[in-house]
Protein backbone atom coordinates (compact mmCIF):
# COMPACT_ATOMS: atom_id res chain seq x y z
CA MET A 1 0.00 0.00 0.00
CA ASN A 2 1.21 3.51 -0.83
CA ILE A 3 2.15 5.35 2.37
CA ASP A 4 0.50 8.58 1.19
CA PHE A 5 -2.74 6.66 0.60
CA PHE A 6 -2.49 5.17 4.09
CA TYR A 7 -2.23 8.60 5.68
CA SER A 8 -5.05 9.97 3.51
CA PHE A 9 -7.24 7.02 4.49
CA THR A 10 -6.46 7.53 8.19
CA TYR A 11 -7.26 11.26 8.07
CA ALA A 12 -10.48 10.47 6.19
CA TRP A 13 -11.39 7.94 8.89
CA ILE A 14 -10.93 10.62 11.55
CA GLY A 15 -13.08 13.00 9.52
CA PHE A 16 -15.80 10.36 9.19
CA GLY A 17 -15.74 9.91 12.96
CA LEU A 18 -16.29 13.64 13.42
CA LEU A 19 -19.37 13.40 11.20
CA ILE A 20 -20.75 10.33 13.00
CA PHE A 21 -20.23 11.73 16.50
CA PRO A 22 -23.29 14.08 16.49
CA VAL A 23 -25.46 11.20 15.24
CA LEU A 24 -24.31 8.96 18.09
CA LEU A 25 -25.16 11.74 20.54
CA LYS A 26 -28.78 11.64 19.37
CA ILE A 27 -29.42 7.91 18.85
CA PRO A 28 -28.62 5.55 21.77
CA ALA A 29 -27.14 2.27 20.54
CA PRO A 30 -29.90 -0.33 21.17
CA TYR A 31 -28.12 -2.95 23.25
CA GLY A 32 -27.58 -3.64 26.93
CA ARG A 33 -29.78 -1.44 29.10
CA HIS A 34 -30.83 0.54 26.03
CA ASN A 35 -32.10 -2.49 24.13
CA ARG A 36 -35.35 -1.88 22.22
CA LYS A 37 -37.34 -3.38 19.37
CA GLY A 38 -37.13 -2.31 15.76
CA TRP A 39 -33.45 -3.00 15.07
CA GLY A 40 -33.80 -6.38 13.39
CA PRO A 41 -32.69 -9.87 14.44
CA THR A 42 -30.62 -10.36 17.57
CA ILE A 43 -28.14 -12.91 18.91
CA PRO A 44 -26.92 -13.64 22.47
CA ASN A 45 -24.94 -10.71 23.85
CA ARG A 46 -21.81 -12.71 24.75
CA ALA A 47 -21.47 -14.23 21.28
CA GLY A 48 -22.12 -10.86 19.65
CA TRP A 49 -19.46 -9.18 21.80
CA ILE A 50 -16.82 -11.74 20.82
CA ILE A 51 -17.74 -11.56 17.12
CA MET A 52 -17.48 -7.77 16.97
CA GLU A 53 -14.34 -7.34 19.12
CA LEU A 54 -12.13 -10.24 18.02
CA PRO A 55 -11.40 -8.91 14.47
CA SER A 56 -9.47 -5.97 15.89
CA LEU A 57 -7.11 -8.37 17.61
CA ILE A 58 -6.76 -10.65 14.58
CA LEU A 59 -6.20 -7.88 12.01
CA PHE A 60 -3.69 -6.06 14.17
CA ILE A 61 -1.61 -9.22 14.59
CA LEU A 62 -1.93 -10.10 10.89
CA PHE A 63 -0.78 -6.71 9.57
CA PHE A 64 1.86 -6.31 12.27
CA PHE A 65 3.62 -9.52 11.25
CA SER A 66 3.06 -9.18 7.50
CA GLY A 67 4.51 -5.67 7.44
CA VAL A 68 7.61 -4.67 5.49
CA LYS A 69 9.47 -3.56 8.61
CA MET A 70 11.00 -5.93 11.11
CA PRO A 71 9.52 -5.45 14.58
CA SER A 72 11.88 -3.58 16.89
CA GLY A 73 12.12 -3.74 20.66
CA ILE A 74 9.93 -0.65 20.96
CA THR A 75 7.23 -1.79 18.55
CA TRP A 76 6.95 -5.01 20.56
CA ILE A 77 5.81 -2.84 23.47
CA PHE A 78 2.98 -1.41 21.37
CA PHE A 79 2.16 -4.89 20.09
CA ALA A 80 1.94 -6.25 23.64
CA ILE A 81 -0.33 -3.42 24.77
CA TRP A 82 -2.76 -3.91 21.89
CA VAL A 83 -2.85 -7.71 22.25
CA PHE A 84 -3.27 -7.49 26.02
CA HIS A 85 -6.19 -5.07 25.73
CA TYR A 86 -8.04 -6.89 22.98
CA SER A 87 -7.43 -10.36 24.41
CA ASN A 88 -9.15 -9.12 27.55
CA ARG A 89 -11.80 -7.18 25.62
CA SER A 90 -12.73 -9.82 23.07
CA ILE A 91 -12.32 -13.04 25.07
CA LEU A 92 -11.84 -12.69 28.83
CA TYR A 93 -14.31 -9.87 29.51
CA PRO A 94 -17.34 -11.36 27.67
CA VAL A 95 -16.69 -14.73 29.35
CA ARG A 96 -16.78 -13.03 32.76
CA THR A 97 -19.95 -11.03 32.15
CA LYS A 98 -23.30 -12.37 33.34
CA THR A 99 -25.43 -11.59 30.29
CA LYS A 100 -27.12 -14.93 29.68
CA LYS A 101 -30.56 -13.46 28.88
CA LYS A 102 -29.37 -10.36 27.03
CA ARG A 103 -29.27 -10.05 23.27
CA ILE A 104 -27.72 -7.64 20.82
CA PRO A 105 -28.97 -6.65 17.34
CA VAL A 106 -26.99 -8.07 14.44
CA LEU A 107 -27.02 -4.60 12.89
CA ILE A 108 -25.09 -3.20 15.87
CA ILE A 109 -22.57 -6.02 15.52
CA LEU A 110 -22.06 -5.10 11.85
CA PHE A 111 -21.48 -1.43 12.74
CA ALA A 112 -19.00 -2.43 15.44
CA LEU A 113 -17.26 -4.80 13.04
CA ILE A 114 -16.56 -1.93 10.66
CA PHE A 115 -15.11 0.11 13.52
CA ASN A 116 -12.90 -2.73 14.73
CA LEU A 117 -11.81 -3.90 11.29
CA VAL A 118 -10.66 -0.42 10.27
CA ASN A 119 -8.93 0.39 13.54
CA GLY A 120 -7.28 -3.03 13.73
CA PHE A 121 -6.05 -2.61 10.17
CA ILE A 122 -4.68 0.94 10.40
CA ASN A 123 -2.85 0.26 13.66
CA GLY A 124 -1.51 -3.13 12.60
CA TYR A 125 -0.39 -1.71 9.27
CA TYR A 126 1.17 1.35 10.90
CA PHE A 127 3.26 -0.66 13.37
CA GLY A 128 4.11 -3.28 10.74
CA SER A 129 4.94 -1.08 7.75
CA VAL A 130 4.80 2.67 8.44
CA HIS A 131 6.18 3.45 11.88
CA PRO A 132 9.40 5.42 12.34
CA ASP A 133 12.46 3.48 13.39
CA TYR A 134 12.02 3.73 17.14
CA ASP A 135 15.36 3.27 18.83
CA ILE A 136 16.20 2.75 22.49
CA LYS A 137 16.25 6.52 23.03
CA TRP A 138 12.48 6.56 22.49
CA LEU A 139 12.08 4.97 25.93
CA TYR A 140 13.46 8.19 27.42
CA ASP A 141 11.44 10.53 25.23
CA PRO A 142 8.96 12.67 27.27
CA ARG A 143 6.16 11.61 24.90
CA PHE A 144 6.74 7.93 25.60
CA ILE A 145 7.08 8.40 29.36
CA ALA A 146 4.03 10.66 29.66
CA GLY A 147 1.98 8.45 27.34
CA LEU A 148 2.87 5.31 29.28
CA LEU A 149 1.83 6.96 32.57
CA VAL A 150 -1.46 8.11 31.03
CA PHE A 151 -2.07 4.64 29.59
CA ILE A 152 -1.42 2.90 32.92
CA THR A 153 -3.70 5.37 34.73
CA GLY A 154 -6.51 4.71 32.27
CA LEU A 155 -5.96 0.96 32.43
CA ILE A 156 -6.23 0.93 36.22
CA ILE A 157 -9.40 3.03 36.15
CA ASN A 158 -10.94 0.87 33.43
CA MET A 159 -10.18 -2.49 35.00
CA LYS A 160 -11.17 -1.45 38.54
CA SER A 161 -14.45 0.00 37.24
CA ASP A 162 -15.20 -3.13 35.20
CA ALA A 163 -14.60 -5.24 38.31
CA ILE A 164 -17.06 -3.13 40.30
CA LEU A 165 -19.70 -3.44 37.57
CA LEU A 166 -19.24 -7.20 37.27
CA SER A 167 -19.70 -7.58 41.02
CA LEU A 168 -23.11 -5.85 40.81
CA ARG A 169 -24.72 -8.35 38.42
CA LYS A 170 -27.20 -9.91 40.83
CA ASN A 171 -30.85 -10.93 40.59
CA SER A 172 -33.07 -7.87 40.65
CA THR A 173 -36.03 -6.39 38.78
CA LEU A 174 -33.83 -4.20 36.61
CA GLY A 175 -30.72 -6.33 36.71
CA TYR A 176 -28.72 -3.25 37.74
CA TYR A 177 -27.65 -1.50 40.92
CA ILE A 178 -26.12 1.90 41.52
CA PRO A 179 -22.36 1.30 41.32
CA GLU A 180 -20.27 2.66 44.16
CA GLY A 181 -16.57 3.02 44.85
CA GLY A 182 -13.56 4.12 42.86
CA MET A 183 -14.23 6.72 40.19
CA PHE A 184 -17.97 5.97 40.40
CA ARG A 185 -17.93 8.57 43.15
CA TYR A 186 -17.49 11.22 40.46
CA ILE A 187 -18.88 9.83 37.18
CA SER A 188 -21.38 7.25 35.98
CA CYS A 189 -19.04 5.56 33.48
CA PRO A 190 -15.45 5.49 34.74
CA ASN A 191 -14.89 2.30 32.74
CA PHE A 192 -15.43 4.33 29.56
CA PHE A 193 -13.41 7.24 30.95
CA GLY A 194 -10.50 4.91 31.70
CA GLU A 195 -10.60 3.37 28.22
CA ILE A 196 -10.54 6.77 26.53
CA ILE A 197 -7.56 7.79 28.68
CA GLU A 198 -5.79 4.53 27.84
CA TRP A 199 -5.88 5.09 24.11
CA PHE A 200 -4.91 8.73 24.20
CA GLY A 201 -1.96 7.62 26.31
CA PHE A 202 -1.16 4.96 23.70
CA ALA A 203 -1.34 7.59 20.94
CA LEU A 204 1.05 9.84 22.87
CA MET A 205 3.59 7.13 23.69
CA SER A 206 3.69 5.90 20.07
CA TRP A 207 3.26 9.38 18.52
CA SER A 208 1.17 7.68 15.87
CA ILE A 209 -1.64 9.04 13.67
CA ALA A 210 -3.13 5.53 13.56
CA ALA A 211 -3.28 5.34 17.36
CA LEU A 212 -4.66 8.88 17.52
CA ALA A 213 -7.43 7.90 15.09
CA PHE A 214 -8.31 4.98 17.33
CA ALA A 215 -8.28 7.16 20.46
CA LEU A 216 -10.60 9.69 18.81
CA TRP A 217 -12.99 6.98 17.60
CA THR A 218 -13.00 5.49 21.11
CA ALA A 219 -14.11 8.89 22.42
CA PHE A 220 -16.66 9.30 19.60
CA ASN A 221 -18.24 5.98 20.61
CA LEU A 222 -17.97 6.06 24.39
CA ILE A 223 -18.90 9.66 25.22
CA PRO A 224 -22.44 9.29 23.75
CA ARG A 225 -22.76 5.88 25.40
CA ALA A 226 -21.77 7.37 28.77
CA LEU A 227 -24.32 10.17 28.42
CA ASP A 228 -27.02 7.60 27.62
CA HIS A 229 -26.03 5.49 30.64
CA HIS A 230 -26.03 8.55 32.89
CA ASN A 231 -29.53 9.56 31.81
CA TRP A 232 -30.71 5.97 32.22
CA TYR A 233 -29.42 5.84 35.80
CA LYS A 234 -31.14 9.11 36.66
CA THR A 235 -34.41 7.90 35.14
CA ASN A 236 -34.44 4.49 36.82
CA PHE A 237 -33.04 5.35 40.25
CA GLU A 238 -34.68 8.15 42.23
CA ASN A 239 -31.80 8.20 44.70
CA TYR A 240 -29.07 8.41 42.05
CA PRO A 241 -26.29 10.76 43.27
CA SER A 242 -27.01 14.19 41.80
CA GLU A 243 -23.37 15.28 41.99
CA ARG A 244 -22.16 12.60 39.58
CA LYS A 245 -21.32 13.57 36.03
CA ALA A 246 -21.50 11.17 33.08
CA ILE A 247 -17.95 10.75 31.75
CA LEU A 248 -15.69 13.65 32.79
CA PRO A 249 -15.40 14.40 36.55
CA PHE A 250 -16.93 17.77 37.53
CA VAL A 251 -17.51 18.73 33.88
CA LEU A 252 -19.67 16.44 31.72
């Protein structure tokens, strides 16, 4: 693939995300607590989650190893981060969730597949064929150090918040409780907040347009979802903490 075409494609993908973002703010994705009729056939939630998340892991690995550049010590770090996240996201997390009776529309899976296929491709291709020749000095670069710290912070927030949510899946009328502890003290969706932070940290530490595109698309998807969750909590729980924001502490 021509490198100029790759960059043009990546910038176009970012631009498309900017166009889609206002639409996502207005139309809640119809799965999970926002599930509703009229979106076509559905399949079990766990199977749907694996189907739509796994391609990002597979394509990243495929294009990483089929690239024209030999992996360096530094690119192995980025490889490990991506594989760790998506192994957890596409396999371990759905296995741990208690969503036996929940279903997800096939149409939503198809939309998510497009997102994951493109982002898996552009990042795998970037780190396999486009990336600069990171040398050992990159480990001491302020961008790498700051990005790694941001990534670790987001990872901790995300995983701790997911653990709290998983512990709340008990038998109840709604199937949900008000989550407490950790960053839930400040926002309704710290799991989303942590994931957004993770990928902006990844973009900073790799100084990569492909990683930046993924970070932006993560925000485009998760900010509307967080706002929908926040409104749902307020509608379904009269005692929901009024001081909590949706996704950004003290702000949004």
